[in-house]
Amino acid sequence: MSQNLLQRGGVNVVRCKAKGVTITNPSADVLPYKGSAATNKPIKVKLESGKSYSWCSCGLSRIQPFCDGTHKNEGLTTVRPVRFQVERSGEYNLCNCKQTETRPICDGTHKQVSGAPKDLHATRFVSFGDNSPVYDGVARNLGYKPKNVAAKVSSRIYPKLKDLEEVLGGPSVWDNAQVTNERCPKCSHERAYFMQIQTRSADEPMTIFYRCANADCCHRWKD
């Protein structure tokens, strides 16, 4: 098939050069970042002519060597799958180390890929300043997708209001309260305990608190 010649930083980069393969989304094939190795050897797959396939280029798919959409997860990668068709039906060695220059066909690059974990020599701590290259877009150029790790949540919390009994010392505060003829709005009992408390400014009248004298009711209200 025809080759696409791109100019990147003064260097000619050739993509879409796998023989017998047609790339149907060249924009995904020319991305500079290469994914993580799924395995360090190719996978032999039987492909049919005229049928479209999506080759995983990020290395994160669980159905290698094909894409399962894992690259769409937030914060993982900006790499996209390479969609392709083969000119002839048959068995093809598809790259599974993701480093091939003839995507999606293996070109033998897996022989040079180390089997050691990528974070083997990574530092445990990292700090960024205002002049960090991260702020210049290096992370995006490496294929990392930004992810929101924190979300702002605003909610108003109201403190629990204390009950009259809690303020005055407990339920026993009514034991020494006076009794008056006041009808309970709940059970219509004619007698109620009452006490007067200054809850507002000094020039305002005192607030009268009532508690129904009916032992089965004990409803409280104020006036």
Protein backbone atom coordinates (compact mmCIF):
# COMPACT_ATOMS: atom_id res chain seq x y z
CA MET A 1 0.00 0.00 0.00
CA SER A 2 1.03 3.65 -0.25
CA GLN A 3 3.18 5.25 2.43
CA ASN A 4 2.42 8.50 4.25
CA LEU A 5 5.40 10.80 4.81
CA LEU A 6 5.05 13.23 7.71
CA GLN A 7 7.28 16.04 8.87
CA ARG A 8 7.79 16.16 12.66
CA GLY A 9 10.45 18.44 14.11
CA GLY A 10 12.45 18.38 10.89
CA VAL A 11 12.49 14.56 10.82
CA ASN A 12 10.63 12.57 8.19
CA VAL A 13 8.40 9.95 9.80
CA VAL A 14 7.01 7.16 7.63
CA ARG A 15 3.76 5.55 8.75
CA CYS A 16 1.15 3.27 7.19
CA LYS A 17 3.86 1.15 5.57
CA ALA A 18 2.65 -2.33 6.50
CA LYS A 19 2.44 -4.41 3.32
CA GLY A 20 -0.94 -5.83 2.41
CA VAL A 21 -2.71 -3.68 5.00
CA THR A 22 -4.89 -0.61 4.53
CA ILE A 23 -5.14 1.80 7.47
CA THR A 24 -8.59 3.40 7.53
CA ASN A 25 -7.83 5.99 10.23
CA PRO A 26 -4.29 7.30 9.46
CA SER A 27 -4.61 10.04 12.12
CA ALA A 28 -4.46 7.37 14.84
CA ASP A 29 -1.52 5.62 13.20
CA VAL A 30 0.71 8.70 13.15
CA LEU A 31 0.43 9.56 16.85
CA PRO A 32 4.02 9.80 18.18
CA TYR A 33 3.35 8.02 21.47
CA LYS A 34 3.53 4.22 21.57
CA GLY A 35 1.63 2.16 24.10
CA SER A 36 2.70 -0.31 26.76
CA ALA A 37 3.72 -3.81 25.73
CA ALA A 38 0.94 -6.33 26.26
CA THR A 39 3.39 -9.16 25.60
CA ASN A 40 6.87 -9.29 24.10
CA LYS A 41 5.91 -11.44 21.15
CA PRO A 42 3.46 -11.14 18.25
CA ILE A 43 0.10 -12.87 18.04
CA LYS A 44 -0.81 -14.90 14.96
CA VAL A 45 -4.39 -14.10 13.94
CA LYS A 46 -6.51 -15.26 11.02
CA LEU A 47 -7.93 -12.21 9.23
CA GLU A 48 -10.47 -11.92 6.43
CA SER A 49 -10.18 -9.63 3.43
CA GLY A 50 -12.65 -6.73 3.39
CA LYS A 51 -13.39 -6.99 7.12
CA SER A 52 -12.48 -4.08 9.42
CA TYR A 53 -10.40 -4.61 12.56
CA SER A 54 -9.30 -2.31 15.39
CA TRP A 55 -5.77 -3.01 16.60
CA CYS A 56 -5.03 -1.96 20.19
CA SER A 57 -2.15 0.53 20.15
CA CYS A 58 -2.22 1.47 23.86
CA GLY A 59 -1.52 -2.04 25.17
CA LEU A 60 -4.29 -1.83 27.79
CA SER A 61 -7.00 -3.85 26.06
CA ARG A 62 -8.10 -7.12 27.65
CA ILE A 63 -8.79 -8.76 24.27
CA GLN A 64 -5.36 -8.39 22.68
CA PRO A 65 -4.39 -7.67 20.00
CA PHE A 66 -7.71 -5.95 19.35
CA CYS A 67 -9.21 -2.87 21.03
CA ASP A 68 -11.91 -3.19 23.71
CA GLY A 69 -12.34 0.53 24.40
CA THR A 70 -10.15 0.66 27.53
CA HIS A 71 -8.29 3.66 26.10
CA LYS A 72 -11.46 5.73 26.57
CA ASN A 73 -11.24 5.53 30.36
CA GLU A 74 -10.51 8.91 31.93
CA GLY A 75 -6.90 9.56 32.84
CA LEU A 76 -5.35 6.59 30.98
CA THR A 77 -4.09 7.54 27.54
CA THR A 78 -4.66 9.68 24.46
CA VAL A 79 -3.71 6.83 22.12
CA ARG A 80 -6.43 5.56 19.78
CA PRO A 81 -6.80 2.16 18.12
CA VAL A 82 -5.60 1.69 14.55
CA ARG A 83 -8.43 0.53 12.29
CA PHE A 84 -7.36 -1.52 9.30
CA GLN A 85 -8.27 -4.04 6.62
CA VAL A 86 -6.15 -6.71 4.95
CA GLU A 87 -5.96 -7.13 1.18
CA ARG A 88 -5.90 -10.92 1.36
CA SER A 89 -7.42 -13.37 3.81
CA GLY A 90 -4.88 -15.36 5.79
CA GLU A 91 -2.83 -15.51 8.99
CA TYR A 92 -0.97 -12.39 10.12
CA ASN A 93 1.48 -11.75 12.95
CA LEU A 94 0.02 -8.75 14.76
CA CYS A 95 2.32 -6.72 16.99
CA ASN A 96 1.63 -7.08 20.70
CA CYS A 97 4.59 -5.10 22.06
CA LYS A 98 3.05 -1.96 20.46
CA GLN A 99 6.46 -0.70 19.28
CA THR A 100 6.26 -1.79 15.64
CA GLU A 101 6.82 0.74 12.86
CA THR A 102 4.55 -1.23 10.53
CA ARG A 103 1.35 -1.07 12.52
CA PRO A 104 -0.42 -3.38 13.10
CA ILE A 105 1.96 -5.97 11.65
CA CYS A 106 4.96 -7.16 13.69
CA ASP A 107 8.33 -5.93 12.40
CA GLY A 108 10.49 -7.76 14.96
CA THR A 109 10.90 -4.80 17.32
CA HIS A 110 9.66 -6.95 20.22
CA LYS A 111 13.09 -8.60 20.28
CA GLN A 112 14.54 -5.31 21.53
CA VAL A 113 11.86 -4.61 24.15
CA SER A 114 12.95 -5.24 27.74
CA GLY A 115 10.79 -7.49 29.85
CA ALA A 116 11.54 -5.50 33.02
CA PRO A 117 8.69 -3.41 34.49
CA LYS A 118 8.72 0.19 33.31
CA ASP A 119 8.68 1.44 36.90
CA LEU A 120 11.62 -0.73 37.98
CA HIS A 121 13.95 2.24 38.45
CA ALA A 122 11.27 4.84 39.10
CA THR A 123 11.60 7.14 42.11
CA ARG A 124 9.03 6.84 44.86
CA PHE A 125 8.58 10.58 45.19
CA VAL A 126 8.17 13.34 42.66
CA SER A 127 7.52 17.05 42.98
CA PHE A 128 6.63 19.69 40.41
CA GLY A 129 7.30 23.40 40.52
CA ASP A 130 5.79 26.23 38.53
CA ASN A 131 8.49 25.79 35.89
CA SER A 132 7.89 22.04 35.55
CA PRO A 133 7.84 20.65 31.99
CA VAL A 134 4.47 19.16 32.86
CA TYR A 135 3.01 22.63 32.55
CA ASP A 136 4.41 22.84 29.02
CA GLY A 137 2.40 19.88 27.83
CA VAL A 138 5.05 17.16 28.07
CA ALA A 139 2.60 14.79 29.73
CA ARG A 140 0.17 15.14 26.85
CA ASN A 141 2.95 14.60 24.31
CA LEU A 142 3.80 11.35 26.08
CA GLY A 143 0.25 10.14 25.66
CA TYR A 144 -1.10 10.76 29.15
CA LYS A 145 -4.62 12.04 29.49
CA PRO A 146 -5.40 14.46 32.36
CA LYS A 147 -7.80 13.23 34.99
CA ASN A 148 -9.71 15.09 37.67
CA VAL A 149 -8.63 13.45 40.93
CA ALA A 150 -10.72 15.72 43.13
CA ALA A 151 -14.14 17.23 42.80
CA LYS A 152 -15.37 20.31 44.62
CA VAL A 153 -18.40 19.54 46.74
CA SER A 154 -20.21 22.34 48.48
CA SER A 155 -22.83 21.64 51.12
CA ARG A 156 -24.11 23.63 54.04
CA ILE A 157 -23.95 21.94 57.43
CA TYR A 158 -26.32 23.16 60.08
CA PRO A 159 -25.45 22.56 63.74
CA LYS A 160 -27.97 20.59 65.76
CA LEU A 161 -30.16 22.93 67.78
CA LYS A 162 -30.31 22.17 71.47
CA ASP A 163 -33.62 21.33 73.08
CA LEU A 164 -34.92 23.45 75.95
CA GLU A 165 -34.35 20.60 78.38
CA GLU A 166 -30.72 20.25 77.23
CA VAL A 167 -30.13 23.97 77.81
CA LEU A 168 -31.67 24.01 81.29
CA GLY A 169 -30.22 20.74 82.58
CA GLY A 170 -32.38 17.81 81.46
CA PRO A 171 -35.99 16.52 81.71
CA SER A 172 -36.05 17.09 85.47
CA VAL A 173 -36.30 20.84 84.85
CA TRP A 174 -40.09 20.42 84.66
CA ASP A 175 -40.33 18.84 88.12
CA ASN A 176 -40.41 22.24 89.84
CA ALA A 177 -42.39 24.04 87.13
CA GLN A 178 -45.68 25.72 87.99
CA VAL A 179 -49.02 24.46 86.69
CA THR A 180 -51.59 26.63 84.95
CA ASN A 181 -54.87 26.31 83.12
CA GLU A 182 -53.66 26.03 79.51
CA ARG A 183 -55.18 23.66 76.96
CA CYS A 184 -52.75 21.30 75.22
CA PRO A 185 -52.99 21.73 71.41
CA LYS A 186 -52.32 18.02 70.95
CA CYS A 187 -54.55 16.14 73.43
CA SER A 188 -56.77 19.02 74.68
CA HIS A 189 -55.82 18.39 78.30
CA GLU A 190 -56.73 21.47 80.34
CA ARG A 191 -53.61 21.70 82.50
CA ALA A 192 -49.96 22.34 81.60
CA TYR A 193 -46.64 23.07 83.27
CA PHE A 194 -45.05 26.36 82.28
CA MET A 195 -41.90 28.43 82.71
CA GLN A 196 -40.85 31.85 81.46
CA ILE A 197 -37.41 32.41 79.95
CA GLN A 198 -35.88 35.53 78.47
CA THR A 199 -34.84 34.31 75.01
CA ARG A 200 -34.82 37.69 73.28
CA SER A 201 -33.49 41.14 74.09
CA ALA A 202 -34.30 42.71 77.46
CA ASP A 203 -36.92 45.05 76.03
CA GLU A 204 -38.85 42.11 74.58
CA PRO A 205 -41.36 40.07 76.62
CA MET A 206 -40.28 36.73 78.05
CA THR A 207 -41.06 33.51 76.16
CA ILE A 208 -43.46 31.11 77.90
CA PHE A 209 -42.72 27.39 77.47
CA TYR A 210 -45.47 24.84 78.19
CA ARG A 211 -45.53 21.09 78.73
CA CYS A 212 -48.78 19.15 78.86
CA ALA A 213 -49.55 17.86 82.36
CA ASN A 214 -51.07 14.70 80.90
CA ALA A 215 -48.44 12.00 81.61
CA ASP A 216 -49.44 10.12 78.44
CA CYS A 217 -48.90 13.20 76.26
CA CYS A 218 -46.15 15.51 77.60
CA HIS A 219 -46.44 17.63 74.48
CA ARG A 220 -44.38 20.85 74.55
CA TRP A 221 -45.05 24.20 72.93
CA LYS A 222 -44.30 27.84 73.48
CA ASP A 223 -46.08 31.15 73.37
